[in-house]
Amino acid sequence: MERRINQRARTDFGVIASEGIYESVCRGIEISTSGIVLDRGREVVEEDKRLFFGLEICLPERHAALFAVARPVWHFGSQQAFRIIEMSDVDRLNIAEHVDLRRQGGAWLS
């Protein structure tokens, strides 16, 4: 059963996932205003399953990074999905605009 309520889009941009002093450079491959799927470039390991992560999201059409606090929801292979717990309204609006741009380019998912 699908529980998605926000529009999402396939995409490709850099993300830095951090937990304490540890940082991991990832690729954002799917995004909505409420969540993101990252490709870690390797198998997800136990250290990638912490309770909360800081995400630095580098959208291609923005000069400054967006910041979020997120929690892991699921993982499969090298992909890991996160639910965005805390993010400024301005950053959520920037993500919504990114989804709209990707939708116009044919990368929209229901």
PDB file of N, CA and C in Angstrom:
ATOM      1  N   MET A   1       0.833  -1.178   0.000  1.00  0.00           N
ATOM      2  CA  MET A   1       0.000   0.000   0.000  1.00  0.00           C
ATOM      3  C   MET A   1       0.883   1.248   0.000  1.00  0.00           C
ATOM      4  N   GLU A   2       0.673   2.118  -0.941  1.00  0.00           N
ATOM      5  CA  GLU A   2       1.427   3.366  -1.036  1.00  0.00           C
ATOM      6  C   GLU A   2       0.856   4.377  -0.046  1.00  0.00           C
ATOM      7  N   ARG A   3       1.736   5.060   0.703  1.00  0.00           N
ATOM      8  CA  ARG A   3       1.294   6.051   1.672  1.00  0.00           C
ATOM      9  C   ARG A   3       1.842   7.437   1.345  1.00  0.00           C
ATOM     10  N   ARG A   4       2.290   7.649   0.148  1.00  0.00           N
ATOM     11  CA  ARG A   4       2.877   8.940  -0.204  1.00  0.00           C
ATOM     12  C   ARG A   4       1.781   9.978  -0.375  1.00  0.00           C
ATOM     13  N   ILE A   5       2.021  11.166   0.163  1.00  0.00           N
ATOM     14  CA  ILE A   5       1.046  12.239   0.028  1.00  0.00           C
ATOM     15  C   ILE A   5       1.617  13.431  -0.737  1.00  0.00           C
ATOM     16  N   ASN A   6       2.910  13.471  -0.950  1.00  0.00           N
ATOM     17  CA  ASN A   6       3.550  14.584  -1.642  1.00  0.00           C
ATOM     18  C   ASN A   6       4.078  14.136  -2.993  1.00  0.00           C
ATOM     19  N   GLN A   7       4.109  15.088  -3.932  1.00  0.00           N
ATOM     20  CA  GLN A   7       4.712  14.782  -5.222  1.00  0.00           C
ATOM     21  C   GLN A   7       6.202  14.565  -5.015  1.00  0.00           C
ATOM     22  N   ARG A   8       6.748  13.649  -5.789  1.00  0.00           N
ATOM     23  CA  ARG A   8       8.176  13.363  -5.705  1.00  0.00           C
ATOM     24  C   ARG A   8       8.729  13.258  -7.111  1.00  0.00           C
ATOM     25  N   ALA A   9      10.045  13.315  -7.208  1.00  0.00           N
ATOM     26  CA  ALA A   9      10.693  13.278  -8.517  1.00  0.00           C
ATOM     27  C   ALA A   9      12.008  12.524  -8.429  1.00  0.00           C
ATOM     28  N   ARG A  10      12.338  11.834  -9.517  1.00  0.00           N
ATOM     29  CA  ARG A  10      13.676  11.259  -9.656  1.00  0.00           C
ATOM     30  C   ARG A  10      14.612  12.420  -9.958  1.00  0.00           C
ATOM     31  N   THR A  11      15.809  12.333  -9.437  1.00  0.00           N
ATOM     32  CA  THR A  11      16.737  13.443  -9.568  1.00  0.00           C
ATOM     33  C   THR A  11      18.163  12.928  -9.379  1.00  0.00           C
ATOM     34  N   ASP A  12      19.128  13.796  -9.359  1.00  0.00           N
ATOM     35  CA  ASP A  12      20.516  13.408  -9.108  1.00  0.00           C
ATOM     36  C   ASP A  12      21.287  14.641  -8.648  1.00  0.00           C
ATOM     37  N   PHE A  13      21.663  14.651  -7.374  1.00  0.00           N
ATOM     38  CA  PHE A  13      22.428  15.759  -6.819  1.00  0.00           C
ATOM     39  C   PHE A  13      23.188  15.266  -5.600  1.00  0.00           C
ATOM     40  N   GLY A  14      24.142  16.055  -5.158  1.00  0.00           N
ATOM     41  CA  GLY A  14      24.965  15.675  -4.019  1.00  0.00           C
ATOM     42  C   GLY A  14      24.287  15.931  -2.683  1.00  0.00           C
ATOM     43  N   VAL A  15      24.533  15.032  -1.742  1.00  0.00           N
ATOM     44  CA  VAL A  15      24.023  15.165  -0.372  1.00  0.00           C
ATOM     45  C   VAL A  15      25.130  14.723   0.583  1.00  0.00           C
ATOM     46  N   ILE A  16      25.312  15.467   1.654  1.00  0.00           N
ATOM     47  CA  ILE A  16      26.214  15.040   2.719  1.00  0.00           C
ATOM     48  C   ILE A  16      25.347  14.645   3.908  1.00  0.00           C
ATOM     49  N   ALA A  17      25.427  13.380   4.290  1.00  0.00           N
ATOM     50  CA  ALA A  17      24.701  12.870   5.456  1.00  0.00           C
ATOM     51  C   ALA A  17      25.676  12.836   6.620  1.00  0.00           C
ATOM     52  N   SER A  18      25.321  13.494   7.723  1.00  0.00           N
ATOM     53  CA  SER A  18      26.233  13.531   8.867  1.00  0.00           C
ATOM     54  C   SER A  18      25.531  13.083  10.140  1.00  0.00           C
ATOM     55  N   GLU A  19      26.316  12.419  10.971  1.00  0.00           N
ATOM     56  CA  GLU A  19      25.844  11.976  12.283  1.00  0.00           C
ATOM     57  C   GLU A  19      27.009  12.184  13.227  1.00  0.00           C
ATOM     58  N   GLY A  20      26.902  13.217  14.049  1.00  0.00           N
ATOM     59  CA  GLY A  20      28.030  13.564  14.908  1.00  0.00           C
ATOM     60  C   GLY A  20      29.203  14.043  14.071  1.00  0.00           C
ATOM     61  N   ILE A  21      30.373  13.435  14.278  1.00  0.00           N
ATOM     62  CA  ILE A  21      31.564  13.842  13.527  1.00  0.00           C
ATOM     63  C   ILE A  21      31.713  13.073  12.217  1.00  0.00           C
ATOM     64  N   TYR A  22      30.846  12.110  11.970  1.00  0.00           N
ATOM     65  CA  TYR A  22      30.947  11.279  10.773  1.00  0.00           C
ATOM     66  C   TYR A  22      30.115  11.860   9.642  1.00  0.00           C
ATOM     67  N   GLU A  23      30.719  11.929   8.459  1.00  0.00           N
ATOM     68  CA  GLU A  23      30.028  12.417   7.271  1.00  0.00           C
ATOM     69  C   GLU A  23      30.149  11.395   6.161  1.00  0.00           C
ATOM     70  N   SER A  24      29.110  11.327   5.348  1.00  0.00           N
ATOM     71  CA  SER A  24      29.094  10.413   4.213  1.00  0.00           C
ATOM     72  C   SER A  24      28.598  11.179   2.993  1.00  0.00           C
ATOM     73  N   VAL A  25      29.355  11.143   1.909  1.00  0.00           N
ATOM     74  CA  VAL A  25      28.956  11.805   0.668  1.00  0.00           C
ATOM     75  C   VAL A  25      28.083  10.843  -0.124  1.00  0.00           C
ATOM     76  N   CYS A  26      26.877  11.299  -0.463  1.00  0.00           N
ATOM     77  CA  CYS A  26      25.880  10.449  -1.131  1.00  0.00           C
ATOM     78  C   CYS A  26      25.316  11.175  -2.347  1.00  0.00           C
ATOM     79  N   ARG A  27      24.433  10.486  -3.062  1.00  0.00           N
ATOM     80  CA  ARG A  27      23.688  11.079  -4.171  1.00  0.00           C
ATOM     81  C   ARG A  27      22.207  11.033  -3.832  1.00  0.00           C
ATOM     82  N   GLY A  28      21.512  12.148  -3.991  1.00  0.00           N
ATOM     83  CA  GLY A  28      20.061  12.167  -3.854  1.00  0.00           C
ATOM     84  C   GLY A  28      19.462  11.680  -5.162  1.00  0.00           C
ATOM     85  N   ILE A  29      18.650  10.620  -5.124  1.00  0.00           N
ATOM     86  CA  ILE A  29      18.107  10.059  -6.364  1.00  0.00           C
ATOM     87  C   ILE A  29      16.592  10.200  -6.475  1.00  0.00           C
ATOM     88  N   GLU A  30      15.909  10.479  -5.366  1.00  0.00           N
ATOM     89  CA  GLU A  30      14.472  10.742  -5.349  1.00  0.00           C
ATOM     90  C   GLU A  30      14.201  11.704  -4.218  1.00  0.00           C
ATOM     91  N   ILE A  31      13.281  12.661  -4.444  1.00  0.00           N
ATOM     92  CA  ILE A  31      13.023  13.640  -3.387  1.00  0.00           C
ATOM     93  C   ILE A  31      11.584  14.114  -3.425  1.00  0.00           C
ATOM     94  N   SER A  32      11.073  14.457  -2.258  1.00  0.00           N
ATOM     95  CA  SER A  32       9.805  15.164  -2.091  1.00  0.00           C
ATOM     96  C   SER A  32      10.010  16.125  -0.927  1.00  0.00           C
ATOM     97  N   THR A  33       8.989  16.910  -0.610  1.00  0.00           N
ATOM     98  CA  THR A  33       9.134  17.846   0.503  1.00  0.00           C
ATOM     99  C   THR A  33       9.141  17.139   1.854  1.00  0.00           C
ATOM    100  N   SER A  34       8.784  15.859   1.877  1.00  0.00           N
ATOM    101  CA  SER A  34       8.742  15.135   3.155  1.00  0.00           C
ATOM    102  C   SER A  34       9.773  14.016   3.271  1.00  0.00           C
ATOM    103  N   GLY A  35      10.503  13.724   2.195  1.00  0.00           N
ATOM    104  CA  GLY A  35      11.468  12.636   2.266  1.00  0.00           C
ATOM    105  C   GLY A  35      12.446  12.633   1.103  1.00  0.00           C
ATOM    106  N   ILE A  36      13.460  11.773   1.237  1.00  0.00           N
ATOM    107  CA  ILE A  36      14.508  11.682   0.221  1.00  0.00           C
ATOM    108  C   ILE A  36      15.059  10.261   0.201  1.00  0.00           C
ATOM    109  N   VAL A  37      15.424   9.795  -0.995  1.00  0.00           N
ATOM    110  CA  VAL A  37      16.112   8.513  -1.140  1.00  0.00           C
ATOM    111  C   VAL A  37      17.542   8.821  -1.574  1.00  0.00           C
ATOM    112  N   LEU A  38      18.490   8.280  -0.819  1.00  0.00           N
ATOM    113  CA  LEU A  38      19.903   8.474  -1.119  1.00  0.00           C
ATOM    114  C   LEU A  38      20.509   7.194  -1.655  1.00  0.00           C
ATOM    115  N   ASP A  39      21.461   7.346  -2.573  1.00  0.00           N
ATOM    116  CA  ASP A  39      22.312   6.233  -2.983  1.00  0.00           C
ATOM    117  C   ASP A  39      23.655   6.480  -2.321  1.00  0.00           C
ATOM    118  N   ARG A  40      24.036   5.580  -1.430  1.00  0.00           N
ATOM    119  CA  ARG A  40      25.265   5.760  -0.658  1.00  0.00           C
ATOM    120  C   ARG A  40      26.506   5.329  -1.441  1.00  0.00           C
ATOM    121  N   GLY A  41      26.339   4.683  -2.584  1.00  0.00           N
ATOM    122  CA  GLY A  41      27.485   4.249  -3.367  1.00  0.00           C
ATOM    123  C   GLY A  41      28.133   2.987  -2.835  1.00  0.00           C
ATOM    124  N   ARG A  42      27.529   2.396  -1.828  1.00  0.00           N
ATOM    125  CA  ARG A  42      28.004   1.156  -1.206  1.00  0.00           C
ATOM    126  C   ARG A  42      26.828   0.575  -0.434  1.00  0.00           C
ATOM    127  N   GLU A  43      26.990  -0.643   0.026  1.00  0.00           N
ATOM    128  CA  GLU A  43      25.932  -1.266   0.833  1.00  0.00           C
ATOM    129  C   GLU A  43      25.693  -0.457   2.113  1.00  0.00           C
ATOM    130  N   VAL A  44      24.441  -0.342   2.503  1.00  0.00           N
ATOM    131  CA  VAL A  44      24.107   0.318   3.766  1.00  0.00           C
ATOM    132  C   VAL A  44      24.566  -0.585   4.911  1.00  0.00           C
ATOM    133  N   VAL A  45      25.311  -0.008   5.849  1.00  0.00           N
ATOM    134  CA  VAL A  45      25.840  -0.772   6.987  1.00  0.00           C
ATOM    135  C   VAL A  45      25.183  -0.294   8.281  1.00  0.00           C
ATOM    136  N   GLU A  46      25.484  -0.964   9.366  1.00  0.00           N
ATOM    137  CA  GLU A  46      24.851  -0.665  10.663  1.00  0.00           C
ATOM    138  C   GLU A  46      25.018   0.802  11.069  1.00  0.00           C
ATOM    139  N   GLU A  47      26.177   1.402  10.785  1.00  0.00           N
ATOM    140  CA  GLU A  47      26.416   2.801  11.144  1.00  0.00           C
ATOM    141  C   GLU A  47      25.498   3.754  10.388  1.00  0.00           C
ATOM    142  N   ASP A  48      24.928   3.306   9.269  1.00  0.00           N
ATOM    143  CA  ASP A  48      24.027   4.140   8.473  1.00  0.00           C
ATOM    144  C   ASP A  48      22.593   4.088   8.984  1.00  0.00           C
ATOM    145  N   LYS A  49      22.358   3.351  10.063  1.00  0.00           N
ATOM    146  CA  LYS A  49      20.997   3.160  10.567  1.00  0.00           C
ATOM    147  C   LYS A  49      20.766   3.887  11.890  1.00  0.00           C
ATOM    148  N   ARG A  50      21.486   4.945  12.126  1.00  0.00           N
ATOM    149  CA  ARG A  50      21.333   5.712  13.363  1.00  0.00           C
ATOM    150  C   ARG A  50      19.939   6.347  13.412  1.00  0.00           C
ATOM    151  N   LEU A  51      19.594   6.909  14.565  1.00  0.00           N
ATOM    152  CA  LEU A  51      18.253   7.447  14.761  1.00  0.00           C
ATOM    153  C   LEU A  51      17.989   8.707  13.936  1.00  0.00           C
ATOM    154  N   PHE A  52      18.934   9.649  13.925  1.00  0.00           N
ATOM    155  CA  PHE A  52      18.766  10.901  13.186  1.00  0.00           C
ATOM    156  C   PHE A  52      20.045  11.233  12.426  1.00  0.00           C
ATOM    157  N   PHE A  53      19.877  11.910  11.297  1.00  0.00           N
ATOM    158  CA  PHE A  53      20.998  12.377  10.488  1.00  0.00           C
ATOM    159  C   PHE A  53      20.765  13.835  10.123  1.00  0.00           C
ATOM    160  N   GLY A  54      21.847  14.578   9.993  1.00  0.00           N
ATOM    161  CA  GLY A  54      21.793  15.895   9.388  1.00  0.00           C
ATOM    162  C   GLY A  54      22.068  15.722   7.901  1.00  0.00           C
ATOM    163  N   LEU A  55      21.253  16.335   7.067  1.00  0.00           N
ATOM    164  CA  LEU A  55      21.446  16.250   5.621  1.00  0.00           C
ATOM    165  C   LEU A  55      21.745  17.631   5.062  1.00  0.00           C
ATOM    166  N   GLU A  56      22.795  17.718   4.277  1.00  0.00           N
ATOM    167  CA  GLU A  56      23.141  18.929   3.549  1.00  0.00           C
ATOM    168  C   GLU A  56      22.839  18.632   2.087  1.00  0.00           C
ATOM    169  N   ILE A  57      21.763  19.217   1.575  1.00  0.00           N
ATOM    170  CA  ILE A  57      21.236  18.899   0.248  1.00  0.00           C
ATOM    171  C   ILE A  57      21.682  19.977  -0.730  1.00  0.00           C
ATOM    172  N   CYS A  58      22.387  19.574  -1.777  1.00  0.00           N
ATOM    173  CA  CYS A  58      22.946  20.511  -2.757  1.00  0.00           C
ATOM    174  C   CYS A  58      22.174  20.413  -4.069  1.00  0.00           C
ATOM    175  N   LEU A  59      21.052  21.133  -4.159  1.00  0.00           N
ATOM    176  CA  LEU A  59      20.263  21.117  -5.393  1.00  0.00           C
ATOM    177  C   LEU A  59      21.026  21.841  -6.493  1.00  0.00           C
ATOM    178  N   PRO A  60      20.946  21.343  -7.733  1.00  0.00           N
ATOM    179  CA  PRO A  60      21.741  21.936  -8.812  1.00  0.00           C
ATOM    180  C   PRO A  60      21.361  23.380  -9.142  1.00  0.00           C
ATOM    181  N   GLU A  61      20.107  23.763  -8.912  1.00  0.00           N
ATOM    182  CA  GLU A  61      19.683  25.121  -9.267  1.00  0.00           C
ATOM    183  C   GLU A  61      19.849  26.117  -8.118  1.00  0.00           C
ATOM    184  N   ARG A  62      20.406  25.687  -6.999  1.00  0.00           N
ATOM    185  CA  ARG A  62      20.611  26.557  -5.833  1.00  0.00           C
ATOM    186  C   ARG A  62      22.102  26.714  -5.553  1.00  0.00           C
ATOM    187  N   HIS A  63      22.495  27.917  -5.165  1.00  0.00           N
ATOM    188  CA  HIS A  63      23.903  28.165  -4.830  1.00  0.00           C
ATOM    189  C   HIS A  63      24.235  27.679  -3.427  1.00  0.00           C
ATOM    190  N   ALA A  64      23.299  27.857  -2.507  1.00  0.00           N
ATOM    191  CA  ALA A  64      23.528  27.450  -1.116  1.00  0.00           C
ATOM    192  C   ALA A  64      22.859  26.105  -0.846  1.00  0.00           C
ATOM    193  N   ALA A  65      23.456  25.337   0.035  1.00  0.00           N
ATOM    194  CA  ALA A  65      22.894  24.030   0.397  1.00  0.00           C
ATOM    195  C   ALA A  65      21.658  24.210   1.276  1.00  0.00           C
ATOM    196  N   LEU A  66      20.767  23.224   1.225  1.00  0.00           N
ATOM    197  CA  LEU A  66      19.603  23.159   2.103  1.00  0.00           C
ATOM    198  C   LEU A  66      19.959  22.227   3.258  1.00  0.00           C
ATOM    199  N   PHE A  67      19.401  22.489   4.424  1.00  0.00           N
ATOM    200  CA  PHE A  67      19.714  21.674   5.596  1.00  0.00           C
ATOM    201  C   PHE A  67      18.454  21.044   6.161  1.00  0.00           C
ATOM    202  N   ALA A  68      18.578  19.782   6.579  1.00  0.00           N
ATOM    203  CA  ALA A  68      17.445  19.052   7.143  1.00  0.00           C
ATOM    204  C   ALA A  68      17.932  18.090   8.213  1.00  0.00           C
ATOM    205  N   VAL A  69      17.032  17.768   9.119  1.00  0.00           N
ATOM    206  CA  VAL A  69      17.231  16.660  10.053  1.00  0.00           C
ATOM    207  C   VAL A  69      16.276  15.572   9.593  1.00  0.00           C
ATOM    208  N   ALA A  70      16.796  14.349   9.447  1.00  0.00           N
ATOM    209  CA  ALA A  70      15.981  13.265   8.899  1.00  0.00           C
ATOM    210  C   ALA A  70      16.253  11.972   9.650  1.00  0.00           C
ATOM    211  N   ARG A  71      15.293  11.051   9.553  1.00  0.00           N
ATOM    212  CA  ARG A  71      15.482   9.733  10.162  1.00  0.00           C
ATOM    213  C   ARG A  71      15.356   8.673   9.084  1.00  0.00           C
ATOM    214  N   PRO A  72      16.153   7.624   9.165  1.00  0.00           N
ATOM    215  CA  PRO A  72      16.075   6.541   8.180  1.00  0.00           C
ATOM    216  C   PRO A  72      14.734   5.814   8.283  1.00  0.00           C
ATOM    217  N   VAL A  73      14.193   5.428   7.117  1.00  0.00           N
ATOM    218  CA  VAL A  73      12.915   4.722   7.064  1.00  0.00           C
ATOM    219  C   VAL A  73      13.117   3.293   6.569  1.00  0.00           C
ATOM    220  N   TRP A  74      13.850   3.137   5.468  1.00  0.00           N
ATOM    221  CA  TRP A  74      14.140   1.804   4.928  1.00  0.00           C
ATOM    222  C   TRP A  74      15.449   1.861   4.164  1.00  0.00           C
ATOM    223  N   HIS A  75      15.975   0.674   3.863  1.00  0.00           N
ATOM    224  CA  HIS A  75      17.169   0.595   3.017  1.00  0.00           C
ATOM    225  C   HIS A  75      17.115  -0.702   2.229  1.00  0.00           C
ATOM    226  N   PHE A  76      17.738  -0.659   1.066  1.00  0.00           N
ATOM    227  CA  PHE A  76      17.849  -1.834   0.206  1.00  0.00           C
ATOM    228  C   PHE A  76      19.114  -1.676  -0.614  1.00  0.00           C
ATOM    229  N   GLY A  77      20.049  -2.579  -0.440  1.00  0.00           N
ATOM    230  CA  GLY A  77      21.320  -2.478  -1.165  1.00  0.00           C
ATOM    231  C   GLY A  77      22.047  -1.203  -0.781  1.00  0.00           C
ATOM    232  N   SER A  78      22.322  -0.362  -1.773  1.00  0.00           N
ATOM    233  CA  SER A  78      23.033   0.892  -1.516  1.00  0.00           C
ATOM    234  C   SER A  78      22.088   2.077  -1.324  1.00  0.00           C
ATOM    235  N   GLN A  79      20.782   1.844  -1.429  1.00  0.00           N
ATOM    236  CA  GLN A  79      19.811   2.928  -1.299  1.00  0.00           C
ATOM    237  C   GLN A  79      19.224   2.981   0.107  1.00  0.00           C
ATOM    238  N   GLN A  80      19.005   4.208   0.580  1.00  0.00           N
ATOM    239  CA  GLN A  80      18.437   4.410   1.905  1.00  0.00           C
ATOM    240  C   GLN A  80      17.460   5.581   1.844  1.00  0.00           C
ATOM    241  N   ALA A  81      16.246   5.362   2.357  1.00  0.00           N
ATOM    242  CA  ALA A  81      15.215   6.398   2.370  1.00  0.00           C
ATOM    243  C   ALA A  81      15.163   7.071   3.731  1.00  0.00           C
ATOM    244  N   PHE A  82      14.910   8.375   3.715  1.00  0.00           N
ATOM    245  CA  PHE A  82      14.818   9.167   4.933  1.00  0.00           C
ATOM    246  C   PHE A  82      13.524   9.962   4.939  1.00  0.00           C
ATOM    247  N   ARG A  83      12.943  10.123   6.109  1.00  0.00           N
ATOM    248  CA  ARG A  83      11.817  11.017   6.327  1.00  0.00           C
ATOM    249  C   ARG A  83      12.389  12.304   6.883  1.00  0.00           C
ATOM    250  N   ILE A  84      12.048  13.428   6.266  1.00  0.00           N
ATOM    251  CA  ILE A  84      12.543  14.718   6.736  1.00  0.00           C
ATOM    252  C   ILE A  84      11.734  15.126   7.967  1.00  0.00           C
ATOM    253  N   ILE A  85      12.430  15.287   9.080  1.00  0.00           N
ATOM    254  CA  ILE A  85      11.799  15.613  10.359  1.00  0.00           C
ATOM    255  C   ILE A  85      11.771  17.116  10.593  1.00  0.00           C
ATOM    256  N   GLU A  86      12.863  17.781  10.266  1.00  0.00           N
ATOM    257  CA  GLU A  86      12.959  19.216  10.510  1.00  0.00           C
ATOM    258  C   GLU A  86      13.657  19.887   9.340  1.00  0.00           C
ATOM    259  N   MET A  87      13.025  20.954   8.840  1.00  0.00           N
ATOM    260  CA  MET A  87      13.589  21.722   7.728  1.00  0.00           C
ATOM    261  C   MET A  87      12.859  23.059   7.691  1.00  0.00           C
ATOM    262  N   SER A  88      13.551  24.101   7.314  1.00  0.00           N
ATOM    263  CA  SER A  88      12.899  25.411   7.239  1.00  0.00           C
ATOM    264  C   SER A  88      11.869  25.418   6.114  1.00  0.00           C
ATOM    265  N   ASP A  89      10.879  26.284   6.255  1.00  0.00           N
ATOM    266  CA  ASP A  89       9.843  26.401   5.229  1.00  0.00           C
ATOM    267  C   ASP A  89      10.434  26.834   3.891  1.00  0.00           C
ATOM    268  N   VAL A  90      11.430  27.707   3.937  1.00  0.00           N
ATOM    269  CA  VAL A  90      12.077  28.174   2.703  1.00  0.00           C
ATOM    270  C   VAL A  90      12.758  27.007   1.989  1.00  0.00           C
ATOM    271  N   ASP A  91      13.448  26.152   2.736  1.00  0.00           N
ATOM    272  CA  ASP A  91      14.111  25.001   2.126  1.00  0.00           C
ATOM    273  C   ASP A  91      13.089  24.013   1.560  1.00  0.00           C
ATOM    274  N   ARG A  92      11.954  23.817   2.252  1.00  0.00           N
ATOM    275  CA  ARG A  92      10.890  22.944   1.710  1.00  0.00           C
ATOM    276  C   ARG A  92      10.346  23.515   0.409  1.00  0.00           C
ATOM    277  N   LEU A  93      10.199  24.840   0.347  1.00  0.00           N
ATOM    278  CA  LEU A  93       9.737  25.482  -0.880  1.00  0.00           C
ATOM    279  C   LEU A  93      10.747  25.269  -2.006  1.00  0.00           C
ATOM    280  N   ASN A  94      12.037  25.361  -1.704  1.00  0.00           N
ATOM    281  CA  ASN A  94      13.064  25.102  -2.716  1.00  0.00           C
ATOM    282  C   ASN A  94      12.977  23.671  -3.236  1.00  0.00           C
ATOM    283  N   ILE A  95      12.695  22.714  -2.359  1.00  0.00           N
ATOM    284  CA  ILE A  95      12.532  21.325  -2.800  1.00  0.00           C
ATOM    285  C   ILE A  95      11.296  21.193  -3.679  1.00  0.00           C
ATOM    286  N   ALA A  96      10.188  21.838  -3.295  1.00  0.00           N
ATOM    287  CA  ALA A  96       8.968  21.788  -4.110  1.00  0.00           C
ATOM    288  C   ALA A  96       9.228  22.361  -5.504  1.00  0.00           C
ATOM    289  N   GLU A  97       9.986  23.439  -5.586  1.00  0.00           N
ATOM    290  CA  GLU A  97      10.336  24.016  -6.888  1.00  0.00           C
ATOM    291  C   GLU A  97      11.209  23.059  -7.687  1.00  0.00           C
ATOM    292  N   HIS A  98      12.140  22.379  -7.015  1.00  0.00           N
ATOM    293  CA  HIS A  98      12.990  21.392  -7.694  1.00  0.00           C
ATOM    294  C   HIS A  98      12.138  20.251  -8.255  1.00  0.00           C
ATOM    295  N   VAL A  99      11.177  19.767  -7.470  1.00  0.00           N
ATOM    296  CA  VAL A  99      10.281  18.697  -7.934  1.00  0.00           C
ATOM    297  C   VAL A  99       9.493  19.177  -9.150  1.00  0.00           C
ATOM    298  N   ASP A 100       8.992  20.419  -9.113  1.00  0.00           N
ATOM    299  CA  ASP A 100       8.266  20.966 -10.263  1.00  0.00           C
ATOM    300  C   ASP A 100       9.155  21.040 -11.502  1.00  0.00           C
ATOM    301  N   LEU A 101      10.399  21.482 -11.337  1.00  0.00           N
ATOM    302  CA  LEU A 101      11.324  21.543 -12.473  1.00  0.00           C
ATOM    303  C   LEU A 101      11.578  20.159 -13.055  1.00  0.00           C
ATOM    304  N   ARG A 102      11.783  19.175 -12.192  1.00  0.00           N
ATOM    305  CA  ARG A 102      12.014  17.804 -12.653  1.00  0.00           C
ATOM    306  C   ARG A 102      10.759  17.250 -13.312  1.00  0.00           C
ATOM    307  N   ARG A 103       9.601  17.601 -12.788  1.00  0.00           N
ATOM    308  CA  ARG A 103       8.339  17.134 -13.371  1.00  0.00           C
ATOM    309  C   ARG A 103       8.197  17.662 -14.799  1.00  0.00           C
ATOM    310  N   GLN A 104       8.556  18.906 -15.014  1.00  0.00           N
ATOM    311  CA  GLN A 104       8.483  19.482 -16.354  1.00  0.00           C
ATOM    312  C   GLN A 104       9.447  18.785 -17.303  1.00  0.00           C
ATOM    313  N   GLY A 105      10.543  18.249 -16.747  1.00  0.00           N
ATOM    314  CA  GLY A 105      11.527  17.540 -17.558  1.00  0.00           C
ATOM    315  C   GLY A 105      11.225  16.069 -17.733  1.00  0.00           C
ATOM    316  N   GLY A 106      10.102  15.585 -17.190  1.00  0.00           N
ATOM    317  CA  GLY A 106       9.702  14.200 -17.391  1.00  0.00           C
ATOM    318  C   GLY A 106      10.206  13.223 -16.357  1.00  0.00           C
ATOM    319  N   ALA A 107      10.685  13.705 -15.206  1.00  0.00           N
ATOM    320  CA  ALA A 107      11.218  12.802 -14.184  1.00  0.00           C
ATOM    321  C   ALA A 107      10.286  12.702 -12.981  1.00  0.00           C
ATOM    322  N   TRP A 108       9.005  12.925 -13.196  1.00  0.00           N
ATOM    323  CA  TRP A 108       8.043  12.955 -12.103  1.00  0.00           C
ATOM    324  C   TRP A 108       7.566  11.560 -11.751  1.00  0.00           C
ATOM    325  N   LEU A 109       7.382  11.311 -10.466  1.00  0.00           N
ATOM    326  CA  LEU A 109       6.809  10.055  -9.974  1.00  0.00           C
ATOM    327  C   LEU A 109       5.536  10.396  -9.231  1.00  0.00           C
ATOM    328  N   SER A 110       4.561   9.504  -9.227  1.00  0.00           N
ATOM    329  CA  SER A 110       3.289   9.792  -8.549  1.00  0.00           C
ATOM    330  C   SER A 110       3.419   9.792  -7.059  1.00  0.00           C
TER     331      SER A 110
END
